[in-house]
Amino acid sequence: MSNRPGGTGATGTVPRARTEESSGSPRSLVTDKGTTTIEDGVVAKISGLAAREVSGVYAMGGGAARALGSMRNIVGGDPSVTQGVSVEVGERQAAVDLDLVAEYGTAIPELAAAVRRNVIGAVERMCGLEVTEVNIRVDDVHLPDQDRDRDRDQERDAERARGQDGHRGDAEQESRVR
């Protein structure tokens, strides 16, 4: 497949994302040349990434979703950018629901407004869909002390893995001495 227009020899370009509207409204996804279909997962990924870009968003997803995501990270899986994101996509419109955790000290109404602006801008710019609504549910507030507790727990788990005294196990120690 080529980005070159037929017969002219000039190289055509495909923009990564549209930054401005040519006529004030998004370009149609249905044209006389064909139809473009955007799957829910695409809109969910864009929405999740756009929400995470906003300062004050600590994590995405409800308690159970975050616990499952932590387990996935422990066993070596990739973190899901769609965690905490639910979308409905139609032919020309999309609706987005977000579950997030706010950092302590962040003004939640202002955070929600910033997330909403960023998500709407990203989806409309990249997908050409009109975003009819972005519903935000703040599930939790992350406290700064939680990071220290988590770091301490991870350090303790690492010490247990090495052995109580921080040294390697006896069998490994013996093989090094011989």
Protein backbone atom coordinates (compact mmCIF):
# COMPACT_ATOMS: atom_id res chain seq x y z
CA MET A 1 0.00 0.00 0.00
CA SER A 2 1.32 3.43 -0.87
CA ASN A 3 0.70 6.98 0.24
CA ARG A 4 1.32 8.21 -3.32
CA PRO A 5 -1.63 9.61 -5.21
CA GLY A 6 -2.22 7.74 -8.45
CA GLY A 7 -0.45 9.04 -11.56
CA THR A 8 1.13 12.22 -10.18
CA GLY A 9 4.39 10.82 -8.83
CA ALA A 10 4.20 13.16 -5.80
CA THR A 11 4.37 11.68 -2.36
CA GLY A 12 1.16 12.12 -0.34
CA THR A 13 1.32 12.38 3.42
CA VAL A 14 -1.00 11.05 6.06
CA PRO A 15 -1.10 13.29 9.12
CA ARG A 16 -0.62 11.61 12.51
CA ALA A 17 -3.43 13.65 14.02
CA ARG A 18 -5.58 16.48 12.81
CA THR A 19 -4.83 19.66 14.76
CA GLU A 20 -7.45 21.93 13.23
CA GLU A 21 -10.76 21.49 11.49
CA SER A 22 -10.97 22.62 7.88
CA SER A 23 -14.65 23.62 7.94
CA GLY A 24 -15.37 23.85 11.66
CA SER A 25 -16.66 20.27 11.87
CA PRO A 26 -14.84 16.95 11.82
CA ARG A 27 -14.20 15.34 8.46
CA SER A 28 -16.67 12.61 7.67
CA LEU A 29 -15.70 9.01 8.22
CA VAL A 30 -18.12 8.03 5.44
CA THR A 31 -17.14 9.30 2.00
CA ASP A 32 -17.82 8.35 -1.61
CA LYS A 33 -14.35 6.70 -1.60
CA GLY A 34 -15.11 4.43 1.36
CA THR A 35 -15.95 4.12 5.03
CA THR A 36 -13.64 4.39 8.01
CA THR A 37 -14.65 2.42 11.09
CA ILE A 38 -13.01 3.14 14.43
CA GLU A 39 -13.27 0.36 16.99
CA ASP A 40 -14.15 0.97 20.63
CA GLY A 41 -10.68 -0.20 21.73
CA VAL A 42 -8.99 2.54 19.70
CA VAL A 43 -11.09 5.26 21.32
CA ALA A 44 -10.55 3.64 24.75
CA LYS A 45 -6.75 3.69 24.33
CA ILE A 46 -6.70 7.28 23.16
CA SER A 47 -8.99 8.29 26.04
CA GLY A 48 -6.91 6.42 28.63
CA LEU A 49 -3.64 7.94 27.46
CA ALA A 50 -5.14 11.44 27.28
CA ALA A 51 -6.55 11.14 30.81
CA ARG A 52 -3.22 9.93 32.22
CA GLU A 53 -1.43 12.94 30.70
CA VAL A 54 -3.25 15.30 33.08
CA SER A 55 -1.33 16.27 36.20
CA GLY A 56 -3.20 15.10 39.29
CA VAL A 57 -4.33 11.76 37.85
CA TYR A 58 -2.51 9.12 39.89
CA ALA A 59 -4.05 5.96 38.42
CA MET A 60 -7.00 4.73 36.42
CA GLY A 61 -9.64 2.16 37.32
CA GLY A 62 -11.63 1.09 40.33
CA GLY A 63 -10.14 -0.88 43.22
CA ALA A 64 -10.68 -4.32 41.65
CA ALA A 65 -9.34 -3.20 38.27
CA ARG A 66 -6.22 -1.71 39.87
CA ALA A 67 -5.65 -4.91 41.89
CA LEU A 68 -5.94 -7.02 38.73
CA GLY A 69 -3.58 -4.62 36.93
CA SER A 70 -1.05 -4.97 39.77
CA MET A 71 -1.20 -8.74 39.50
CA ARG A 72 -0.70 -8.52 35.73
CA ASN A 73 2.40 -6.33 36.30
CA ILE A 74 3.83 -8.78 38.85
CA VAL A 75 3.67 -11.70 36.40
CA GLY A 76 5.32 -9.61 33.70
CA GLY A 77 2.30 -8.44 31.70
CA ASP A 78 2.08 -5.03 30.13
CA PRO A 79 -0.01 -2.45 31.94
CA SER A 80 -3.34 -1.80 30.22
CA VAL A 81 -3.88 1.76 29.02
CA THR A 82 -7.61 1.03 28.82
CA GLN A 83 -7.90 0.21 32.53
CA GLY A 84 -10.64 2.41 33.97
CA VAL A 85 -11.96 3.39 30.53
CA SER A 86 -15.30 2.47 29.00
CA VAL A 87 -16.49 3.84 25.67
CA GLU A 88 -19.44 3.69 23.32
CA VAL A 89 -18.63 4.49 19.72
CA GLY A 90 -21.19 5.21 17.03
CA GLU A 91 -20.77 6.22 13.41
CA ARG A 92 -20.03 9.86 14.21
CA GLN A 93 -20.04 10.17 17.99
CA ALA A 94 -18.41 8.67 21.06
CA ALA A 95 -19.15 8.70 24.78
CA VAL A 96 -16.44 8.01 27.35
CA ASP A 97 -16.62 6.89 30.99
CA LEU A 98 -13.48 7.13 33.14
CA ASP A 99 -12.66 5.80 36.62
CA LEU A 100 -9.63 7.46 38.14
CA VAL A 101 -7.64 8.01 41.32
CA ALA A 102 -6.75 11.61 42.11
CA GLU A 103 -3.57 12.67 43.87
CA TYR A 104 -4.19 14.14 47.31
CA GLY A 105 -4.30 17.93 47.23
CA THR A 106 -5.67 18.13 43.71
CA ALA A 107 -8.92 20.07 43.27
CA ILE A 108 -11.19 17.36 41.91
CA PRO A 109 -13.60 19.61 39.93
CA GLU A 110 -10.63 21.26 38.19
CA LEU A 111 -9.00 17.88 37.59
CA ALA A 112 -12.21 16.54 36.04
CA ALA A 113 -12.49 19.59 33.78
CA ALA A 114 -8.87 19.23 32.61
CA VAL A 115 -9.26 15.48 31.98
CA ARG A 116 -12.49 16.11 30.09
CA ARG A 117 -10.86 18.77 27.88
CA ASN A 118 -7.83 16.58 27.15
CA VAL A 119 -9.88 13.47 26.32
CA ILE A 120 -12.34 15.35 24.10
CA GLY A 121 -9.51 17.11 22.26
CA ALA A 122 -7.54 13.91 21.69
CA VAL A 123 -10.47 11.79 20.50
CA GLU A 124 -11.91 14.47 18.25
CA ARG A 125 -8.49 15.32 16.79
CA MET A 126 -7.33 11.75 16.18
CA CYS A 127 -10.58 10.00 15.35
CA GLY A 128 -12.77 12.73 13.87
CA LEU A 129 -15.59 11.65 16.19
CA GLU A 130 -17.70 14.12 18.14
CA VAL A 131 -17.40 13.34 21.85
CA THR A 132 -20.87 13.77 23.32
CA GLU A 133 -19.87 13.25 26.95
CA VAL A 134 -16.99 12.30 29.22
CA ASN A 135 -18.26 10.99 32.55
CA ILE A 136 -15.64 10.89 35.29
CA ARG A 137 -15.86 8.92 38.52
CA VAL A 138 -13.15 9.54 41.10
CA ASP A 139 -12.81 6.22 42.97
CA ASP A 140 -10.02 7.08 45.38
CA VAL A 141 -7.47 9.66 46.49
CA HIS A 142 -3.82 8.67 46.53
CA LEU A 143 -2.02 9.74 49.69
CA PRO A 144 1.73 10.53 49.62
CA ASP A 145 2.35 8.11 52.52
CA GLN A 146 1.08 5.23 50.37
CA ASP A 147 4.22 5.45 48.20
CA ARG A 148 6.51 5.08 51.23
CA ASP A 149 4.47 2.12 52.51
CA ARG A 150 4.57 0.46 49.08
CA ASP A 151 8.33 1.01 48.76
CA ARG A 152 8.91 -0.42 52.24
CA ASP A 153 6.77 -3.48 51.42
CA GLN A 154 8.64 -4.06 48.14
CA GLU A 155 12.00 -3.77 49.93
CA ARG A 156 10.87 -6.26 52.59
CA ASP A 157 9.68 -8.71 49.90
CA ALA A 158 13.03 -8.41 48.11
CA GLU A 159 14.87 -9.16 51.38
CA ARG A 160 12.73 -12.25 51.92
CA ALA A 161 13.58 -13.44 48.42
CA ARG A 162 17.32 -13.09 49.17
CA GLY A 163 17.02 -14.66 52.60
CA GLN A 164 16.37 -13.12 56.01
CA ASP A 165 19.90 -11.79 56.49
CA GLY A 166 20.09 -10.27 53.01
CA HIS A 167 22.59 -12.90 51.80
CA ARG A 168 22.13 -15.65 49.26
CA GLY A 169 20.89 -19.05 50.37
CA ASP A 170 23.27 -21.60 51.93
CA ALA A 171 23.35 -23.89 48.87
CA GLU A 172 24.46 -21.05 46.64
CA GLN A 173 26.98 -19.89 49.25
CA GLU A 174 28.54 -23.39 49.42
CA SER A 175 29.02 -23.62 45.68
CA ARG A 176 30.92 -20.35 45.69
CA VAL A 177 33.29 -21.50 48.46
CA ARG A 178 34.49 -24.77 46.95
